[in-house]
mmCIF file of all heavy atoms, coordinates in Angstrom:
data_MODEL
# 
_entry.id   MODEL 
# 
loop_
_atom_site.group_PDB 
_atom_site.id 
_atom_site.type_symbol 
_atom_site.label_atom_id 
_atom_site.label_alt_id 
_atom_site.label_comp_id 
_atom_site.label_asym_id 
_atom_site.label_entity_id 
_atom_site.label_seq_id 
_atom_site.pdbx_PDB_ins_code 
_atom_site.Cartn_x 
_atom_site.Cartn_y 
_atom_site.Cartn_z 
_atom_site.occupancy 
_atom_site.B_iso_or_equiv 
_atom_site.pdbx_formal_charge 
_atom_site.auth_seq_id 
_atom_site.auth_comp_id 
_atom_site.auth_asym_id 
_atom_site.auth_atom_id 
_atom_site.pdbx_PDB_model_num 
ATOM 1   N N   . ALA A 1 1  ? 60.503 135.416 64.758 1.00 0.00 ? 1  ALA A N   1 
ATOM 2   C CA  . ALA A 1 1  ? 59.995 135.433 66.129 1.00 0.00 ? 1  ALA A CA  1 
ATOM 3   C C   . ALA A 1 1  ? 58.467 135.335 66.143 1.00 0.00 ? 1  ALA A C   1 
ATOM 4   O O   . ALA A 1 1  ? 57.899 134.577 66.933 1.00 0.00 ? 1  ALA A O   1 
ATOM 5   C CB  . ALA A 1 1  ? 60.456 136.705 66.846 1.00 0.00 ? 1  ALA A CB  1 
ATOM 6   N N   . LEU A 1 2  ? 57.808 136.073 65.285 1.00 0.00 ? 2  LEU A N   1 
ATOM 7   C CA  . LEU A 1 2  ? 56.350 136.017 65.235 1.00 0.00 ? 2  LEU A CA  1 
ATOM 8   C C   . LEU A 1 2  ? 55.853 134.666 64.740 1.00 0.00 ? 2  LEU A C   1 
ATOM 9   O O   . LEU A 1 2  ? 54.869 134.137 65.248 1.00 0.00 ? 2  LEU A O   1 
ATOM 10  C CB  . LEU A 1 2  ? 55.807 137.135 64.343 1.00 0.00 ? 2  LEU A CB  1 
ATOM 11  C CG  . LEU A 1 2  ? 55.911 138.544 64.915 1.00 0.00 ? 2  LEU A CG  1 
ATOM 12  C CD1 . LEU A 1 2  ? 55.432 139.565 63.889 1.00 0.00 ? 2  LEU A CD1 1 
ATOM 13  C CD2 . LEU A 1 2  ? 55.122 138.653 66.199 1.00 0.00 ? 2  LEU A CD2 1 
ATOM 14  N N   . PHE A 1 3  ? 56.553 134.094 63.757 1.00 0.00 ? 3  PHE A N   1 
ATOM 15  C CA  . PHE A 1 3  ? 56.160 132.787 63.253 1.00 0.00 ? 3  PHE A CA  1 
ATOM 16  C C   . PHE A 1 3  ? 56.213 131.741 64.359 1.00 0.00 ? 3  PHE A C   1 
ATOM 17  O O   . PHE A 1 3  ? 55.260 130.998 64.572 1.00 0.00 ? 3  PHE A O   1 
ATOM 18  C CB  . PHE A 1 3  ? 57.062 132.358 62.093 1.00 0.00 ? 3  PHE A CB  1 
ATOM 19  C CG  . PHE A 1 3  ? 56.850 130.934 61.672 1.00 0.00 ? 3  PHE A CG  1 
ATOM 20  C CD1 . PHE A 1 3  ? 55.721 130.577 60.956 1.00 0.00 ? 3  PHE A CD1 1 
ATOM 21  C CD2 . PHE A 1 3  ? 57.777 129.959 62.007 1.00 0.00 ? 3  PHE A CD2 1 
ATOM 22  C CE1 . PHE A 1 3  ? 55.518 129.256 60.567 1.00 0.00 ? 3  PHE A CE1 1 
ATOM 23  C CE2 . PHE A 1 3  ? 57.581 128.640 61.624 1.00 0.00 ? 3  PHE A CE2 1 
ATOM 24  C CZ  . PHE A 1 3  ? 56.450 128.294 60.904 1.00 0.00 ? 3  PHE A CZ  1 
ATOM 25  N N   . PHE A 1 4  ? 57.313 131.673 65.097 1.00 0.00 ? 4  PHE A N   1 
ATOM 26  C CA  . PHE A 1 4  ? 57.434 130.684 66.154 1.00 0.00 ? 4  PHE A CA  1 
ATOM 27  C C   . PHE A 1 4  ? 56.524 130.998 67.336 1.00 0.00 ? 4  PHE A C   1 
ATOM 28  O O   . PHE A 1 4  ? 56.036 130.086 68.006 1.00 0.00 ? 4  PHE A O   1 
ATOM 29  C CB  . PHE A 1 4  ? 58.889 130.545 66.607 1.00 0.00 ? 4  PHE A CB  1 
ATOM 30  C CG  . PHE A 1 4  ? 59.718 129.783 65.614 1.00 0.00 ? 4  PHE A CG  1 
ATOM 31  C CD1 . PHE A 1 4  ? 60.710 130.414 64.882 1.00 0.00 ? 4  PHE A CD1 1 
ATOM 32  C CD2 . PHE A 1 4  ? 59.498 128.433 65.397 1.00 0.00 ? 4  PHE A CD2 1 
ATOM 33  C CE1 . PHE A 1 4  ? 61.467 129.717 63.969 1.00 0.00 ? 4  PHE A CE1 1 
ATOM 34  C CE2 . PHE A 1 4  ? 60.244 127.723 64.484 1.00 0.00 ? 4  PHE A CE2 1 
ATOM 35  C CZ  . PHE A 1 4  ? 61.240 128.371 63.767 1.00 0.00 ? 4  PHE A CZ  1 
ATOM 36  N N   . PHE A 1 5  ? 56.258 132.268 67.579 1.00 0.00 ? 5  PHE A N   1 
ATOM 37  C CA  . PHE A 1 5  ? 55.324 132.638 68.638 1.00 0.00 ? 5  PHE A CA  1 
ATOM 38  C C   . PHE A 1 5  ? 53.916 132.138 68.308 1.00 0.00 ? 5  PHE A C   1 
ATOM 39  O O   . PHE A 1 5  ? 53.247 131.545 69.157 1.00 0.00 ? 5  PHE A O   1 
ATOM 40  C CB  . PHE A 1 5  ? 55.324 134.157 68.835 1.00 0.00 ? 5  PHE A CB  1 
ATOM 41  C CG  . PHE A 1 5  ? 54.304 134.620 69.830 1.00 0.00 ? 5  PHE A CG  1 
ATOM 42  C CD1 . PHE A 1 5  ? 54.495 134.407 71.186 1.00 0.00 ? 5  PHE A CD1 1 
ATOM 43  C CD2 . PHE A 1 5  ? 53.150 135.259 69.405 1.00 0.00 ? 5  PHE A CD2 1 
ATOM 44  C CE1 . PHE A 1 5  ? 53.546 134.825 72.107 1.00 0.00 ? 5  PHE A CE1 1 
ATOM 45  C CE2 . PHE A 1 5  ? 52.197 135.685 70.317 1.00 0.00 ? 5  PHE A CE2 1 
ATOM 46  C CZ  . PHE A 1 5  ? 52.401 135.467 71.668 1.00 0.00 ? 5  PHE A CZ  1 
ATOM 47  N N   . PHE A 1 6  ? 53.467 132.364 67.077 1.00 0.00 ? 6  PHE A N   1 
ATOM 48  C CA  . PHE A 1 6  ? 52.135 131.905 66.686 1.00 0.00 ? 6  PHE A CA  1 
ATOM 49  C C   . PHE A 1 6  ? 52.074 130.381 66.600 1.00 0.00 ? 6  PHE A C   1 
ATOM 50  O O   . PHE A 1 6  ? 51.048 129.781 66.913 1.00 0.00 ? 6  PHE A O   1 
ATOM 51  C CB  . PHE A 1 6  ? 51.701 132.540 65.363 1.00 0.00 ? 6  PHE A CB  1 
ATOM 52  C CG  . PHE A 1 6  ? 51.354 133.997 65.503 1.00 0.00 ? 6  PHE A CG  1 
ATOM 53  C CD1 . PHE A 1 6  ? 51.992 134.956 64.731 1.00 0.00 ? 6  PHE A CD1 1 
ATOM 54  C CD2 . PHE A 1 6  ? 50.412 134.417 66.426 1.00 0.00 ? 6  PHE A CD2 1 
ATOM 55  C CE1 . PHE A 1 6  ? 51.677 136.299 64.867 1.00 0.00 ? 6  PHE A CE1 1 
ATOM 56  C CE2 . PHE A 1 6  ? 50.085 135.757 66.572 1.00 0.00 ? 6  PHE A CE2 1 
ATOM 57  C CZ  . PHE A 1 6  ? 50.725 136.695 65.782 1.00 0.00 ? 6  PHE A CZ  1 
ATOM 58  N N   . LEU A 1 7  ? 53.173 129.748 66.212 1.00 0.00 ? 7  LEU A N   1 
ATOM 59  C CA  . LEU A 1 7  ? 53.217 128.290 66.209 1.00 0.00 ? 7  LEU A CA  1 
ATOM 60  C C   . LEU A 1 7  ? 53.100 127.749 67.634 1.00 0.00 ? 7  LEU A C   1 
ATOM 61  O O   . LEU A 1 7  ? 52.367 126.793 67.895 1.00 0.00 ? 7  LEU A O   1 
ATOM 62  C CB  . LEU A 1 7  ? 54.520 127.816 65.562 1.00 0.00 ? 7  LEU A CB  1 
ATOM 63  C CG  . LEU A 1 7  ? 54.665 126.317 65.322 1.00 0.00 ? 7  LEU A CG  1 
ATOM 64  C CD1 . LEU A 1 7  ? 53.644 125.853 64.277 1.00 0.00 ? 7  LEU A CD1 1 
ATOM 65  C CD2 . LEU A 1 7  ? 56.072 125.995 64.876 1.00 0.00 ? 7  LEU A CD2 1 
ATOM 66  N N   . LEU A 1 8  ? 53.789 128.380 68.568 1.00 0.00 ? 8  LEU A N   1 
ATOM 67  C CA  . LEU A 1 8  ? 53.698 127.991 69.971 1.00 0.00 ? 8  LEU A CA  1 
ATOM 68  C C   . LEU A 1 8  ? 52.289 128.207 70.510 1.00 0.00 ? 8  LEU A C   1 
ATOM 69  O O   . LEU A 1 8  ? 51.752 127.350 71.223 1.00 0.00 ? 8  LEU A O   1 
ATOM 70  C CB  . LEU A 1 8  ? 54.709 128.801 70.793 1.00 0.00 ? 8  LEU A CB  1 
ATOM 71  C CG  . LEU A 1 8  ? 54.799 128.490 72.277 1.00 0.00 ? 8  LEU A CG  1 
ATOM 72  C CD1 . LEU A 1 8  ? 55.400 127.102 72.477 1.00 0.00 ? 8  LEU A CD1 1 
ATOM 73  C CD2 . LEU A 1 8  ? 55.645 129.523 72.975 1.00 0.00 ? 8  LEU A CD2 1 
ATOM 74  N N   . CYS A 1 9  ? 51.664 129.313 70.157 1.00 0.00 ? 9  CYS A N   1 
ATOM 75  C CA  . CYS A 1 9  ? 50.283 129.569 70.589 1.00 0.00 ? 9  CYS A CA  1 
ATOM 76  C C   . CYS A 1 9  ? 49.328 128.531 70.011 1.00 0.00 ? 9  CYS A C   1 
ATOM 77  O O   . CYS A 1 9  ? 48.402 128.092 70.691 1.00 0.00 ? 9  CYS A O   1 
ATOM 78  C CB  . CYS A 1 9  ? 49.843 130.971 70.169 1.00 0.00 ? 9  CYS A CB  1 
ATOM 79  S SG  . CYS A 1 9  ? 50.639 132.268 71.116 1.00 0.00 ? 9  CYS A SG  1 
ATOM 80  N N   . PHE A 1 10 ? 49.561 128.121 68.765 1.00 0.00 ? 10 PHE A N   1 
ATOM 81  C CA  . PHE A 1 10 ? 48.717 127.095 68.154 1.00 0.00 ? 10 PHE A CA  1 
ATOM 82  C C   . PHE A 1 10 ? 48.836 125.777 68.904 1.00 0.00 ? 10 PHE A C   1 
ATOM 83  O O   . PHE A 1 10 ? 47.832 125.137 69.224 1.00 0.00 ? 10 PHE A O   1 
ATOM 84  C CB  . PHE A 1 10 ? 49.110 126.914 66.685 1.00 0.00 ? 10 PHE A CB  1 
ATOM 85  C CG  . PHE A 1 10 ? 48.397 125.780 66.017 1.00 0.00 ? 10 PHE A CG  1 
ATOM 86  C CD1 . PHE A 1 10 ? 47.052 125.883 65.691 1.00 0.00 ? 10 PHE A CD1 1 
ATOM 87  C CD2 . PHE A 1 10 ? 49.075 124.610 65.725 1.00 0.00 ? 10 PHE A CD2 1 
ATOM 88  C CE1 . PHE A 1 10 ? 46.391 124.832 65.074 1.00 0.00 ? 10 PHE A CE1 1 
ATOM 89  C CE2 . PHE A 1 10 ? 48.432 123.556 65.108 1.00 0.00 ? 10 PHE A CE2 1 
ATOM 90  C CZ  . PHE A 1 10 ? 47.080 123.665 64.782 1.00 0.00 ? 10 PHE A CZ  1 
ATOM 91  N N   . PHE A 1 11 ? 50.070 125.354 69.212 1.00 0.00 ? 11 PHE A N   1 
ATOM 92  C CA  . PHE A 1 11 ? 50.258 124.105 69.952 1.00 0.00 ? 11 PHE A CA  1 
ATOM 93  C C   . PHE A 1 11 ? 49.676 124.204 71.362 1.00 0.00 ? 11 PHE A C   1 
ATOM 94  O O   . PHE A 1 11 ? 49.134 123.232 71.885 1.00 0.00 ? 11 PHE A O   1 
ATOM 95  C CB  . PHE A 1 11 ? 51.736 123.714 70.007 1.00 0.00 ? 11 PHE A CB  1 
ATOM 96  C CG  . PHE A 1 11 ? 52.236 123.147 68.709 1.00 0.00 ? 11 PHE A CG  1 
ATOM 97  C CD1 . PHE A 1 11 ? 53.401 123.618 68.153 1.00 0.00 ? 11 PHE A CD1 1 
ATOM 98  C CD2 . PHE A 1 11 ? 51.544 122.138 68.060 1.00 0.00 ? 11 PHE A CD2 1 
ATOM 99  C CE1 . PHE A 1 11 ? 53.877 123.099 66.962 1.00 0.00 ? 11 PHE A CE1 1 
ATOM 100 C CE2 . PHE A 1 11 ? 52.002 121.612 66.864 1.00 0.00 ? 11 PHE A CE2 1 
ATOM 101 C CZ  . PHE A 1 11 ? 53.180 122.094 66.312 1.00 0.00 ? 11 PHE A CZ  1 
ATOM 102 N N   . LEU A 1 12 ? 49.778 125.361 71.977 1.00 0.00 ? 12 LEU A N   1 
ATOM 103 C CA  . LEU A 1 12 ? 49.187 125.551 73.297 1.00 0.00 ? 12 LEU A CA  1 
ATOM 104 C C   . LEU A 1 12 ? 47.665 125.426 73.223 1.00 0.00 ? 12 LEU A C   1 
ATOM 105 O O   . LEU A 1 12 ? 47.047 124.780 74.077 1.00 0.00 ? 12 LEU A O   1 
ATOM 106 C CB  . LEU A 1 12 ? 49.582 126.921 73.856 1.00 0.00 ? 12 LEU A CB  1 
ATOM 107 C CG  . LEU A 1 12 ? 49.025 127.277 75.231 1.00 0.00 ? 12 LEU A CG  1 
ATOM 108 C CD1 . LEU A 1 12 ? 49.577 126.323 76.290 1.00 0.00 ? 12 LEU A CD1 1 
ATOM 109 C CD2 . LEU A 1 12 ? 49.365 128.707 75.581 1.00 0.00 ? 12 LEU A CD2 1 
ATOM 110 N N   . LEU A 1 13 ? 47.066 126.003 72.209 1.00 0.00 ? 13 LEU A N   1 
ATOM 111 C CA  . LEU A 1 13 ? 45.620 125.914 72.041 1.00 0.00 ? 13 LEU A CA  1 
ATOM 112 C C   . LEU A 1 13 ? 45.190 124.470 71.804 1.00 0.00 ? 13 LEU A C   1 
ATOM 113 O O   . LEU A 1 13 ? 44.204 124.002 72.380 1.00 0.00 ? 13 LEU A O   1 
ATOM 114 C CB  . LEU A 1 13 ? 45.187 126.801 70.876 1.00 0.00 ? 13 LEU A CB  1 
ATOM 115 C CG  . LEU A 1 13 ? 43.698 126.880 70.604 1.00 0.00 ? 13 LEU A CG  1 
ATOM 116 C CD1 . LEU A 1 13 ? 42.989 127.555 71.776 1.00 0.00 ? 13 LEU A CD1 1 
ATOM 117 C CD2 . LEU A 1 13 ? 43.435 127.647 69.330 1.00 0.00 ? 13 LEU A CD2 1 
ATOM 118 N N   . VAL A 1 14 ? 45.936 123.735 70.984 1.00 0.00 ? 14 VAL A N   1 
ATOM 119 C CA  . VAL A 1 14 ? 45.616 122.326 70.733 1.00 0.00 ? 14 VAL A CA  1 
ATOM 120 C C   . VAL A 1 14 ? 45.721 121.520 72.021 1.00 0.00 ? 14 VAL A C   1 
ATOM 121 O O   . VAL A 1 14 ? 44.877 120.675 72.327 1.00 0.00 ? 14 VAL A O   1 
ATOM 122 C CB  . VAL A 1 14 ? 46.539 121.753 69.640 1.00 0.00 ? 14 VAL A CB  1 
ATOM 123 C CG1 . VAL A 1 14 ? 46.419 120.234 69.557 1.00 0.00 ? 14 VAL A CG1 1 
ATOM 124 C CG2 . VAL A 1 14 ? 46.216 122.382 68.295 1.00 0.00 ? 14 VAL A CG2 1 
ATOM 125 N N   . THR A 1 15 ? 46.751 121.796 72.822 1.00 0.00 ? 15 THR A N   1 
ATOM 126 C CA  . THR A 1 15 ? 46.931 121.084 74.084 1.00 0.00 ? 15 THR A CA  1 
ATOM 127 C C   . THR A 1 15 ? 45.794 121.394 75.055 1.00 0.00 ? 15 THR A C   1 
ATOM 128 O O   . THR A 1 15 ? 45.300 120.493 75.736 1.00 0.00 ? 15 THR A O   1 
ATOM 129 C CB  . THR A 1 15 ? 48.280 121.469 74.716 1.00 0.00 ? 15 THR A CB  1 
ATOM 130 O OG1 . THR A 1 15 ? 49.326 121.192 73.775 1.00 0.00 ? 15 THR A OG1 1 
ATOM 131 C CG2 . THR A 1 15 ? 48.535 120.693 75.989 1.00 0.00 ? 15 THR A CG2 1 
ATOM 132 N N   . ILE A 1 16 ? 45.372 122.633 75.114 1.00 0.00 ? 16 ILE A N   1 
ATOM 133 C CA  . ILE A 1 16 ? 44.263 123.017 75.997 1.00 0.00 ? 16 ILE A CA  1 
ATOM 134 C C   . ILE A 1 16 ? 42.985 122.300 75.587 1.00 0.00 ? 16 ILE A C   1 
ATOM 135 O O   . ILE A 1 16 ? 42.252 121.776 76.432 1.00 0.00 ? 16 ILE A O   1 
ATOM 136 C CB  . ILE A 1 16 ? 44.071 124.547 75.992 1.00 0.00 ? 16 ILE A CB  1 
ATOM 137 C CG1 . ILE A 1 16 ? 45.228 125.223 76.725 1.00 0.00 ? 16 ILE A CG1 1 
ATOM 138 C CG2 . ILE A 1 16 ? 42.740 124.938 76.612 1.00 0.00 ? 16 ILE A CG2 1 
ATOM 139 C CD1 . ILE A 1 16 ? 45.242 126.729 76.585 1.00 0.00 ? 16 ILE A CD1 1 
ATOM 140 N N   . VAL A 1 17 ? 42.726 122.234 74.284 1.00 0.00 ? 17 VAL A N   1 
ATOM 141 C CA  . VAL A 1 17 ? 41.515 121.561 73.806 1.00 0.00 ? 17 VAL A CA  1 
ATOM 142 C C   . VAL A 1 17 ? 41.577 120.070 74.116 1.00 0.00 ? 17 VAL A C   1 
ATOM 143 O O   . VAL A 1 17 ? 40.591 119.477 74.573 1.00 0.00 ? 17 VAL A O   1 
ATOM 144 C CB  . VAL A 1 17 ? 41.332 121.810 72.293 1.00 0.00 ? 17 VAL A CB  1 
ATOM 145 C CG1 . VAL A 1 17 ? 40.248 120.911 71.708 1.00 0.00 ? 17 VAL A CG1 1 
ATOM 146 C CG2 . VAL A 1 17 ? 41.008 123.272 72.038 1.00 0.00 ? 17 VAL A CG2 1 
ATOM 147 N N   . ARG A 1 18 ? 42.731 119.440 73.913 1.00 0.00 ? 18 ARG A N   1 
ATOM 148 C CA  . ARG A 1 18 ? 42.838 118.005 74.196 1.00 0.00 ? 18 ARG A CA  1 
ATOM 149 C C   . ARG A 1 18 ? 42.708 117.725 75.690 1.00 0.00 ? 18 ARG A C   1 
ATOM 150 O O   . ARG A 1 18 ? 42.079 116.734 76.086 1.00 0.00 ? 18 ARG A O   1 
ATOM 151 C CB  . ARG A 1 18 ? 44.168 117.474 73.683 1.00 0.00 ? 18 ARG A CB  1 
ATOM 152 C CG  . ARG A 1 18 ? 44.219 117.436 72.156 1.00 0.00 ? 18 ARG A CG  1 
ATOM 153 C CD  . ARG A 1 18 ? 45.414 116.718 71.654 1.00 0.00 ? 18 ARG A CD  1 
ATOM 154 N NE  . ARG A 1 18 ? 45.342 115.310 72.040 1.00 0.00 ? 18 ARG A NE  1 
ATOM 155 C CZ  . ARG A 1 18 ? 46.312 114.445 71.854 1.00 0.00 ? 18 ARG A CZ  1 
ATOM 156 N NH1 . ARG A 1 18 ? 47.432 114.829 71.288 1.00 0.00 ? 18 ARG A NH1 1 
ATOM 157 N NH2 . ARG A 1 18 ? 46.173 113.190 72.221 1.00 0.00 ? 18 ARG A NH2 1 
ATOM 158 N N   . CYS A 1 19 ? 43.288 118.569 76.528 1.00 0.00 ? 19 CYS A N   1 
ATOM 159 C CA  . CYS A 1 19 ? 43.160 118.377 77.977 1.00 0.00 ? 19 CYS A CA  1 
ATOM 160 C C   . CYS A 1 19 ? 41.713 118.586 78.429 1.00 0.00 ? 19 CYS A C   1 
ATOM 161 O O   . CYS A 1 19 ? 41.226 117.859 79.294 1.00 0.00 ? 19 CYS A O   1 
ATOM 162 C CB  . CYS A 1 19 ? 44.094 119.318 78.724 1.00 0.00 ? 19 CYS A CB  1 
ATOM 163 S SG  . CYS A 1 19 ? 45.821 118.854 78.585 1.00 0.00 ? 19 CYS A SG  1 
ATOM 164 N N   . ALA A 1 20 ? 41.047 119.574 77.864 1.00 0.00 ? 20 ALA A N   1 
ATOM 165 C CA  . ALA A 1 20 ? 39.641 119.802 78.215 1.00 0.00 ? 20 ALA A CA  1 
ATOM 166 C C   . ALA A 1 20 ? 38.794 118.612 77.796 1.00 0.00 ? 20 ALA A C   1 
ATOM 167 O O   . ALA A 1 20 ? 37.897 118.192 78.529 1.00 0.00 ? 20 ALA A O   1 
ATOM 168 C CB  . ALA A 1 20 ? 39.141 121.078 77.553 1.00 0.00 ? 20 ALA A CB  1 
ATOM 169 N N   . HIS A 1 21 ? 39.084 118.049 76.638 1.00 0.00 ? 21 HIS A N   1 
ATOM 170 C CA  . HIS A 1 21 ? 38.355 116.862 76.188 1.00 0.00 ? 21 HIS A CA  1 
ATOM 171 C C   . HIS A 1 21 ? 38.609 115.691 77.124 1.00 0.00 ? 21 HIS A C   1 
ATOM 172 O O   . HIS A 1 21 ? 37.700 114.920 77.434 1.00 0.00 ? 21 HIS A O   1 
ATOM 173 C CB  . HIS A 1 21 ? 38.774 116.511 74.753 1.00 0.00 ? 21 HIS A CB  1 
ATOM 174 C CG  . HIS A 1 21 ? 38.028 115.360 74.180 1.00 0.00 ? 21 HIS A CG  1 
ATOM 175 N ND1 . HIS A 1 21 ? 38.541 114.096 74.132 1.00 0.00 ? 21 HIS A ND1 1 
ATOM 176 C CD2 . HIS A 1 21 ? 36.791 115.290 73.644 1.00 0.00 ? 21 HIS A CD2 1 
ATOM 177 C CE1 . HIS A 1 21 ? 37.656 113.289 73.597 1.00 0.00 ? 21 HIS A CE1 1 
ATOM 178 N NE2 . HIS A 1 21 ? 36.583 113.984 73.286 1.00 0.00 ? 21 HIS A NE2 1 
ATOM 179 N N   . LEU A 1 22 ? 39.832 115.550 77.590 1.00 0.00 ? 22 LEU A N   1 
ATOM 180 C CA  . LEU A 1 22 ? 40.172 114.470 78.518 1.00 0.00 ? 22 LEU A CA  1 
ATOM 181 C C   . LEU A 1 22 ? 39.458 114.649 79.850 1.00 0.00 ? 22 LEU A C   1 
ATOM 182 O O   . LEU A 1 22 ? 38.970 113.688 80.439 1.00 0.00 ? 22 LEU A O   1 
ATOM 183 C CB  . LEU A 1 22 ? 41.684 114.426 78.736 1.00 0.00 ? 22 LEU A CB  1 
ATOM 184 C CG  . LEU A 1 22 ? 42.207 113.375 79.712 1.00 0.00 ? 22 LEU A CG  1 
ATOM 185 C CD1 . LEU A 1 22 ? 41.959 111.986 79.163 1.00 0.00 ? 22 LEU A CD1 1 
ATOM 186 C CD2 . LEU A 1 22 ? 43.680 113.586 79.962 1.00 0.00 ? 22 LEU A CD2 1 
ATOM 187 N N   . VAL A 1 23 ? 39.359 115.874 80.333 1.00 0.00 ? 23 VAL A N   1 
ATOM 188 C CA  . VAL A 1 23 ? 38.688 116.135 81.610 1.00 0.00 ? 23 VAL A CA  1 
ATOM 189 C C   . VAL A 1 23 ? 37.186 115.888 81.494 1.00 0.00 ? 23 VAL A C   1 
ATOM 190 O O   . VAL A 1 23 ? 36.567 115.318 82.390 1.00 0.00 ? 23 VAL A O   1 
ATOM 191 C CB  . VAL A 1 23 ? 38.974 117.581 82.074 1.00 0.00 ? 23 VAL A CB  1 
ATOM 192 C CG1 . VAL A 1 23 ? 38.067 117.985 83.214 1.00 0.00 ? 23 VAL A CG1 1 
ATOM 193 C CG2 . VAL A 1 23 ? 40.436 117.721 82.480 1.00 0.00 ? 23 VAL A CG2 1 
ATOM 194 N N   . LEU A 1 24 ? 36.596 116.290 80.374 1.00 0.00 ? 24 LEU A N   1 
ATOM 195 C CA  . LEU A 1 24 ? 35.154 116.134 80.212 1.00 0.00 ? 24 LEU A CA  1 
ATOM 196 C C   . LEU A 1 24 ? 34.742 114.681 79.978 1.00 0.00 ? 24 LEU A C   1 
ATOM 197 O O   . LEU A 1 24 ? 33.694 114.247 80.449 1.00 0.00 ? 24 LEU A O   1 
ATOM 198 C CB  . LEU A 1 24 ? 34.659 116.995 79.044 1.00 0.00 ? 24 LEU A CB  1 
ATOM 199 C CG  . LEU A 1 24 ? 34.762 118.494 79.268 1.00 0.00 ? 24 LEU A CG  1 
ATOM 200 C CD1 . LEU A 1 24 ? 34.344 119.237 78.004 1.00 0.00 ? 24 LEU A CD1 1 
ATOM 201 C CD2 . LEU A 1 24 ? 33.901 118.927 80.444 1.00 0.00 ? 24 LEU A CD2 1 
ATOM 202 N N   . ASP A 1 25 ? 35.551 113.922 79.265 1.00 0.00 ? 25 ASP A N   1 
ATOM 203 C CA  . ASP A 1 25 ? 35.199 112.537 78.960 1.00 0.00 ? 25 ASP A CA  1 
ATOM 204 C C   . ASP A 1 25 ? 36.459 111.669 79.031 1.00 0.00 ? 25 ASP A C   1 
ATOM 205 O O   . ASP A 1 25 ? 37.060 111.352 78.004 1.00 0.00 ? 25 ASP A O   1 
ATOM 206 C CB  . ASP A 1 25 ? 34.567 112.456 77.569 1.00 0.00 ? 25 ASP A CB  1 
ATOM 207 C CG  . ASP A 1 25 ? 33.904 111.120 77.329 1.00 0.00 ? 25 ASP A CG  1 
ATOM 208 O OD1 . ASP A 1 25 ? 33.795 110.327 78.279 1.00 0.00 ? 25 ASP A OD1 1 
ATOM 209 O OD2 . ASP A 1 25 ? 33.502 110.880 76.180 1.00 0.00 ? 25 ASP A OD2 1 
ATOM 210 N N   . PRO A 1 26 ? 36.884 111.300 80.240 1.00 0.00 ? 26 PRO A N   1 
ATOM 211 C CA  . PRO A 1 26 ? 38.171 110.603 80.378 1.00 0.00 ? 26 PRO A CA  1 
ATOM 212 C C   . PRO A 1 26 ? 38.171 109.192 79.794 1.00 0.00 ? 26 PRO A C   1 
ATOM 213 O O   . PRO A 1 26 ? 39.203 108.712 79.360 1.00 0.00 ? 26 PRO A O   1 
ATOM 214 C CB  . PRO A 1 26 ? 38.406 110.560 81.887 1.00 0.00 ? 26 PRO A CB  1 
ATOM 215 C CG  . PRO A 1 26 ? 37.075 110.754 82.492 1.00 0.00 ? 26 PRO A CG  1 
ATOM 216 C CD  . PRO A 1 26 ? 36.262 111.548 81.523 1.00 0.00 ? 26 PRO A CD  1 
ATOM 217 N N   . TYR A 1 27 ? 37.041 108.522 79.749 1.00 0.00 ? 27 TYR A N   1 
ATOM 218 C CA  . TYR A 1 27 ? 37.028 107.137 79.283 1.00 0.00 ? 27 TYR A CA  1 
ATOM 219 C C   . TYR A 1 27 ? 37.145 107.029 77.768 1.00 0.00 ? 27 TYR A C   1 
ATOM 220 O O   . TYR A 1 27 ? 37.596 106.016 77.261 1.00 0.00 ? 27 TYR A O   1 
ATOM 221 C CB  . TYR A 1 27 ? 35.768 106.429 79.773 1.00 0.00 ? 27 TYR A CB  1 
ATOM 222 C CG  . TYR A 1 27 ? 35.760 106.323 81.271 1.00 0.00 ? 27 TYR A CG  1 
ATOM 223 C CD1 . TYR A 1 27 ? 34.878 107.077 82.027 1.00 0.00 ? 27 TYR A CD1 1 
ATOM 224 C CD2 . TYR A 1 27 ? 36.661 105.495 81.932 1.00 0.00 ? 27 TYR A CD2 1 
ATOM 225 C CE1 . TYR A 1 27 ? 34.882 107.002 83.406 1.00 0.00 ? 27 TYR A CE1 1 
ATOM 226 C CE2 . TYR A 1 27 ? 36.673 105.418 83.315 1.00 0.00 ? 27 TYR A CE2 1 
ATOM 227 C CZ  . TYR A 1 27 ? 35.782 106.164 84.043 1.00 0.00 ? 27 TYR A CZ  1 
ATOM 228 O OH  . TYR A 1 27 ? 35.807 106.102 85.403 1.00 0.00 ? 27 TYR A OH  1 
ATOM 229 N N   . SER A 1 28 ? 36.738 108.049 77.048 1.00 0.00 ? 28 SER A N   1 
ATOM 230 C CA  . SER A 1 28 ? 36.873 107.991 75.592 1.00 0.00 ? 28 SER A CA  1 
ATOM 231 C C   . SER A 1 28 ? 38.316 108.212 75.158 1.00 0.00 ? 28 SER A C   1 
ATOM 232 O O   . SER A 1 28 ? 38.685 107.855 74.049 1.00 0.00 ? 28 SER A O   1 
ATOM 233 C CB  . SER A 1 28 ? 35.979 109.039 74.932 1.00 0.00 ? 28 SER A CB  1 
ATOM 234 O OG  . SER A 1 28 ? 36.457 110.333 75.205 1.00 0.00 ? 28 SER A OG  1 
ATOM 235 N N   . ALA A 1 29 ? 39.142 108.790 76.019 1.00 0.00 ? 29 ALA A N   1 
ATOM 236 C CA  . ALA A 1 29 ? 40.532 109.048 75.657 1.00 0.00 ? 29 ALA A CA  1 
ATOM 237 C C   . ALA A 1 29 ? 41.382 107.783 75.740 1.00 0.00 ? 29 ALA A C   1 
ATOM 238 O O   . ALA A 1 29 ? 42.438 107.711 75.129 1.00 0.00 ? 29 ALA A O   1 
ATOM 239 C CB  . ALA A 1 29 ? 41.115 110.125 76.568 1.00 0.00 ? 29 ALA A CB  1 
ATOM 240 N N   . VAL A 1 30 ? 40.936 106.779 76.486 1.00 0.00 ? 30 VAL A N   1 
ATOM 241 C CA  . VAL A 1 30 ? 41.673 105.530 76.599 1.00 0.00 ? 30 VAL A CA  1 
ATOM 242 C C   . VAL A 1 30 ? 41.304 104.663 75.408 1.00 0.00 ? 30 VAL A C   1 
ATOM 243 O O   . VAL A 1 30 ? 40.130 104.450 75.124 1.00 0.00 ? 30 VAL A O   1 
ATOM 244 C CB  . VAL A 1 30 ? 41.320 104.812 77.919 1.00 0.00 ? 30 VAL A CB  1 
ATOM 245 C CG1 . VAL A 1 30 ? 42.023 103.477 78.006 1.00 0.00 ? 30 VAL A CG1 1 
ATOM 246 C CG2 . VAL A 1 30 ? 41.661 105.668 79.106 1.00 0.00 ? 30 VAL A CG2 1 
# 
């Protein structure tokens, strides 16, 4: 349970960083 919880938190953190990058500079993501 802890392993999958931390794995889920890691993917959530990666998604947040990628979305923030997309919001800050949308043209570089294309």
